[in-house]
Amino acid sequence: MRRLIVLLVLALAACSPSDNSASTPASMPAEAAAAQSAPAAAPLAWQTLPLVNARTGETFTFADFAGQTVFVEPMATWCSNCRQMLGNVRSAREQLGETVTFVALSVETTIPSADLAAYADANGFDWLFAVMTPDMLAELVSAFGRTISNPPSTPHFVMRPDGSVSSLFTGVVSAEEIVAQIESAGAGGA
């Protein structure tokens, strides 16, 4: 019995953390050590929810776009304001090139991805389209309010490279105004 207790004490001692108060390498500057131990900003709940690229079937999240500027437009295939706004987005994309990622999110949570892809292709919208899940729609409503779920109001926002977001913009705006909104959100661009 004594042998079992000794073995148990030795096992516990081997598993307990040692006091490594000098765990930062001597060659690491103090500010680098502080940055290493500082927690990174956690993505917002909606940024971690999976979506499916309507064209490719690949799954993605908004957290995958860390370090990038993303222009997001909730929309619906039946919405004429959305189609007009998406046409302006196409022109803004031409001005901005590859500096901004554009994502259109259908609020029609039950539309088949193939139908959304066909809509985008038929209208010459060649950027990322995805169908919102009910969870994504609920999280966006929680974050931005009910207006985000009303496609005719043409809601849109900018996600900055650090994951923070602009306020919600509404209304059909020109390509130049889209570029200005991206720039005013502090997200870079043109």
Protein backbone atom coordinates (compact mmCIF):
# COMPACT_ATOMS: atom_id res chain seq x y z
CA MET A 1 0.00 0.00 0.00
CA ARG A 2 2.86 2.34 0.90
CA ARG A 3 4.45 1.64 -2.49
CA LEU A 4 1.15 2.60 -4.26
CA ILE A 5 0.98 5.90 -2.33
CA VAL A 6 4.59 6.72 -3.19
CA LEU A 7 3.98 5.97 -6.86
CA LEU A 8 0.84 8.11 -6.83
CA VAL A 9 2.70 11.05 -5.21
CA LEU A 10 5.53 10.75 -7.76
CA ALA A 11 3.07 10.62 -10.65
CA LEU A 12 1.24 13.69 -9.41
CA ALA A 13 4.49 15.56 -8.92
CA ALA A 14 5.56 14.75 -12.47
CA CYS A 15 2.27 16.01 -13.88
CA SER A 16 2.08 19.28 -11.95
CA PRO A 17 3.27 22.44 -13.69
CA SER A 18 6.71 23.64 -12.77
CA ASP A 19 7.48 27.24 -11.92
CA ASN A 20 8.90 28.61 -15.14
CA SER A 21 8.66 32.28 -14.28
CA ALA A 22 11.22 33.03 -16.97
CA SER A 23 9.31 31.33 -19.81
CA THR A 24 9.85 34.21 -22.24
CA PRO A 25 13.04 33.69 -24.24
CA ALA A 26 15.72 36.24 -23.34
CA SER A 27 16.01 37.23 -27.00
CA MET A 28 12.32 38.20 -27.25
CA PRO A 29 11.64 41.93 -26.70
CA ALA A 30 9.21 42.73 -23.89
CA GLU A 31 6.55 44.15 -26.27
CA ALA A 32 6.69 41.01 -28.44
CA ALA A 33 6.27 38.85 -25.36
CA ALA A 34 3.27 40.94 -24.28
CA ALA A 35 1.71 40.68 -27.76
CA GLN A 36 2.26 36.94 -27.75
CA SER A 37 0.35 36.54 -24.49
CA ALA A 38 -2.40 39.06 -25.33
CA PRO A 39 -5.58 37.38 -26.55
CA ALA A 40 -6.58 38.12 -30.14
CA ALA A 41 -9.94 39.77 -30.73
CA ALA A 42 -12.51 37.02 -31.00
CA PRO A 43 -14.62 36.98 -34.14
CA LEU A 44 -18.25 38.00 -33.81
CA ALA A 45 -20.70 35.10 -33.53
CA TRP A 46 -22.04 35.48 -37.08
CA GLN A 47 -18.49 35.55 -38.47
CA THR A 48 -17.95 31.94 -37.38
CA LEU A 49 -21.14 30.45 -38.83
CA PRO A 50 -20.59 28.32 -41.92
CA LEU A 51 -21.96 29.35 -45.30
CA VAL A 52 -21.78 27.62 -48.68
CA ASN A 53 -20.48 29.27 -51.83
CA ALA A 54 -23.49 28.96 -54.18
CA ARG A 55 -21.27 28.31 -57.21
CA THR A 56 -18.62 25.94 -55.86
CA GLY A 57 -20.32 24.27 -52.90
CA GLU A 58 -17.29 25.10 -50.73
CA THR A 59 -17.95 26.03 -47.11
CA PHE A 60 -16.58 29.28 -45.70
CA THR A 61 -17.04 31.66 -42.77
CA PHE A 62 -16.50 35.38 -42.55
CA ALA A 63 -13.68 34.65 -40.09
CA ASP A 64 -11.87 33.11 -43.09
CA PHE A 65 -11.55 36.65 -44.46
CA ALA A 66 -9.42 37.90 -41.55
CA GLY A 67 -7.02 40.54 -42.82
CA GLN A 68 -9.30 41.45 -45.75
CA THR A 69 -11.89 44.14 -46.33
CA VAL A 70 -15.28 42.59 -47.11
CA PHE A 71 -18.35 44.38 -48.50
CA VAL A 72 -21.50 42.44 -47.51
CA GLU A 73 -24.91 42.87 -49.08
CA PRO A 74 -27.92 40.88 -47.85
CA MET A 75 -30.25 40.48 -50.84
CA ALA A 76 -33.03 38.44 -52.45
CA THR A 77 -33.46 37.21 -56.01
CA TRP A 78 -36.97 38.71 -56.23
CA CYS A 79 -35.81 42.19 -55.13
CA SER A 80 -35.44 44.76 -57.94
CA ASN A 81 -33.62 47.21 -55.63
CA CYS A 82 -31.11 44.45 -54.85
CA ARG A 83 -30.50 43.78 -58.54
CA GLN A 84 -29.88 47.50 -59.12
CA MET A 85 -27.54 47.69 -56.12
CA LEU A 86 -25.67 44.54 -57.24
CA GLY A 87 -25.14 46.21 -60.62
CA ASN A 88 -23.54 49.13 -58.78
CA VAL A 89 -21.46 46.67 -56.75
CA ARG A 90 -20.17 45.24 -60.05
CA SER A 91 -18.96 48.73 -61.04
CA ALA A 92 -17.40 49.32 -57.61
CA ARG A 93 -15.55 45.99 -57.93
CA GLU A 94 -14.12 47.18 -61.24
CA GLN A 95 -12.81 50.33 -59.52
CA LEU A 96 -11.40 48.52 -56.48
CA GLY A 97 -9.93 45.46 -58.17
CA GLU A 98 -8.82 42.76 -55.75
CA THR A 99 -8.49 45.08 -52.74
CA VAL A 100 -11.97 44.25 -51.42
CA THR A 101 -13.91 40.97 -51.24
CA PHE A 102 -17.60 41.24 -52.10
CA VAL A 103 -20.19 38.85 -50.67
CA ALA A 104 -23.91 38.77 -51.47
CA LEU A 105 -26.03 36.89 -48.93
CA SER A 106 -29.52 35.75 -49.87
CA VAL A 107 -32.02 36.24 -47.04
CA GLU A 108 -34.12 33.57 -48.78
CA THR A 109 -32.94 30.86 -46.39
CA THR A 110 -34.68 28.07 -48.31
CA ILE A 111 -33.61 28.93 -51.87
CA PRO A 112 -31.41 26.21 -53.40
CA SER A 113 -27.80 27.32 -53.89
CA ALA A 114 -28.05 26.31 -57.57
CA ASP A 115 -30.91 28.79 -58.06
CA LEU A 116 -28.91 31.57 -56.40
CA ALA A 117 -25.87 30.76 -58.56
CA ALA A 118 -28.05 30.78 -61.70
CA TYR A 119 -29.45 34.21 -60.69
CA ALA A 120 -25.95 35.60 -60.15
CA ASP A 121 -24.67 34.15 -63.43
CA ALA A 122 -27.68 35.36 -65.44
CA ASN A 123 -27.08 38.90 -64.17
CA GLY A 124 -23.31 38.90 -64.63
CA PHE A 125 -22.58 39.03 -60.90
CA ASP A 126 -19.35 37.06 -60.68
CA TRP A 127 -18.44 37.43 -57.00
CA LEU A 128 -19.24 35.30 -53.95
CA PHE A 129 -22.93 34.48 -53.37
CA ALA A 130 -24.29 32.36 -50.52
CA VAL A 131 -27.65 31.51 -48.99
CA MET A 132 -27.94 32.61 -45.38
CA THR A 133 -28.77 29.92 -42.88
CA PRO A 134 -31.56 30.74 -40.41
CA ASP A 135 -28.86 30.97 -37.70
CA MET A 136 -26.84 33.46 -39.76
CA LEU A 137 -29.92 35.57 -40.43
CA ALA A 138 -30.83 35.57 -36.72
CA GLU A 139 -27.28 36.56 -35.72
CA LEU A 140 -27.19 39.40 -38.28
CA VAL A 141 -30.58 40.67 -37.08
CA SER A 142 -29.23 40.57 -33.52
CA ALA A 143 -26.11 42.48 -34.56
CA PHE A 144 -27.65 45.03 -36.97
CA GLY A 145 -31.41 45.10 -36.36
CA ARG A 146 -34.35 43.89 -38.44
CA THR A 147 -33.55 46.18 -41.37
CA ILE A 148 -30.81 43.77 -42.41
CA SER A 149 -33.49 41.19 -43.23
CA ASN A 150 -35.44 43.60 -45.50
CA PRO A 151 -33.86 43.28 -48.97
CA PRO A 152 -35.74 46.21 -50.61
CA SER A 153 -34.01 48.56 -48.15
CA THR A 154 -30.73 47.32 -49.71
CA PRO A 155 -28.86 46.86 -46.42
CA HIS A 156 -25.09 46.56 -46.65
CA PHE A 157 -22.04 46.92 -44.44
CA VAL A 158 -18.27 46.68 -44.48
CA MET A 159 -16.20 44.22 -42.49
CA ARG A 160 -12.76 45.65 -41.84
CA PRO A 161 -9.54 43.59 -41.97
CA ASP A 162 -9.54 43.36 -38.16
CA GLY A 163 -13.04 41.82 -38.18
CA SER A 164 -14.83 44.90 -36.87
CA VAL A 165 -17.77 46.18 -38.91
CA SER A 166 -19.18 49.49 -40.07
CA SER A 167 -22.65 50.59 -39.23
CA LEU A 168 -25.43 49.32 -41.48
CA PHE A 169 -25.96 51.35 -44.65
CA THR A 170 -29.26 51.27 -46.54
CA GLY A 171 -30.52 52.46 -49.89
CA VAL A 172 -29.38 51.92 -53.44
CA VAL A 173 -26.13 53.85 -53.82
CA SER A 174 -23.82 54.42 -56.78
CA ALA A 175 -20.54 52.60 -57.31
CA GLU A 176 -18.70 55.75 -56.23
CA GLU A 177 -20.74 55.86 -53.01
CA ILE A 178 -19.96 52.19 -52.35
CA VAL A 179 -16.25 52.95 -52.69
CA ALA A 180 -16.65 55.98 -50.39
CA GLN A 181 -18.50 53.87 -47.79
CA ILE A 182 -15.69 51.32 -47.85
CA GLU A 183 -13.11 54.07 -47.44
CA SER A 184 -15.09 55.88 -44.71
CA ALA A 185 -15.37 52.62 -42.79
CA GLY A 186 -11.60 52.81 -42.50
CA ALA A 187 -11.20 49.66 -44.52
CA GLY A 188 -9.01 50.92 -47.34
CA GLY A 189 -9.90 50.25 -50.92
CA ALA A 190 -9.33 52.40 -53.97
